[in-house]
């Protein structure tokens, strides 16, 4: 009984660590994508505004 519990705990810890790493990766990716979505139009409009002043 004790050995099964130990194996279960090890599996649970490994699964948790993997989930945390996957979550971090997804979170960073989502932040980068949302950042690009927000920044790209601003850069585009700034570029257009700069071009029209010339």
Protein backbone atom coordinates (compact mmCIF):
# COMPACT_ATOMS: atom_id res chain seq x y z
CA UNK A 1 0.00 0.00 0.00
CA UNK A 2 2.78 2.45 0.95
CA UNK A 3 4.70 1.78 -2.26
CA UNK A 4 1.63 2.50 -4.46
CA UNK A 5 1.02 5.74 -2.58
CA UNK A 6 4.66 6.79 -3.11
CA UNK A 7 4.43 6.04 -6.85
CA UNK A 8 1.18 8.03 -7.03
CA UNK A 9 2.79 11.00 -5.27
CA UNK A 10 5.80 10.92 -7.64
CA UNK A 11 3.49 10.77 -10.68
CA UNK A 12 1.38 13.63 -9.25
CA UNK A 13 4.48 15.80 -8.68
CA UNK A 14 5.83 15.12 -12.18
CA UNK A 15 2.42 15.86 -13.73
CA UNK A 16 2.17 19.09 -11.70
CA UNK A 17 5.66 20.24 -12.80
CA UNK A 18 4.85 19.45 -16.45
CA UNK A 19 1.54 21.34 -16.19
CA UNK A 20 3.28 24.36 -14.65
CA UNK A 21 5.88 24.41 -17.45
CA UNK A 22 3.16 24.02 -20.13
CA UNK A 23 1.09 26.76 -18.47
CA UNK A 24 4.10 29.10 -18.33
CA UNK A 25 4.87 28.41 -21.99
CA UNK A 26 1.23 29.02 -22.99
CA UNK A 27 1.07 32.17 -20.84
CA UNK A 28 4.27 33.60 -22.34
CA UNK A 29 3.11 32.73 -25.86
CA UNK A 30 -0.30 34.34 -25.22
CA UNK A 31 1.37 37.47 -23.84
CA UNK A 32 3.68 37.72 -26.87
CA UNK A 33 0.76 37.21 -29.30
CA UNK A 34 -1.45 39.77 -27.53
CA UNK A 35 1.51 42.16 -27.37
CA UNK A 36 2.06 41.82 -31.12
CA UNK A 37 -1.68 42.31 -31.78
CA UNK A 38 -1.66 45.49 -29.66
CA UNK A 39 1.73 46.90 -30.75
CA UNK A 40 1.60 46.13 -34.49
CA UNK A 41 -1.33 48.51 -35.29
CA UNK A 42 0.25 51.23 -33.13
CA UNK A 43 3.55 50.89 -35.01
CA UNK A 44 1.67 50.84 -38.31
CA UNK A 45 -0.26 54.02 -37.49
CA UNK A 46 2.91 55.69 -36.15
CA UNK A 47 4.65 54.75 -39.41
CA UNK A 48 1.75 56.16 -41.46
CA UNK A 49 1.69 59.37 -39.37
CA UNK A 50 5.45 59.75 -39.80
CA UNK A 51 5.16 59.17 -43.54
CA UNK A 52 2.33 61.68 -44.03
CA UNK A 53 4.36 64.41 -42.24
CA UNK A 54 7.12 64.14 -44.85
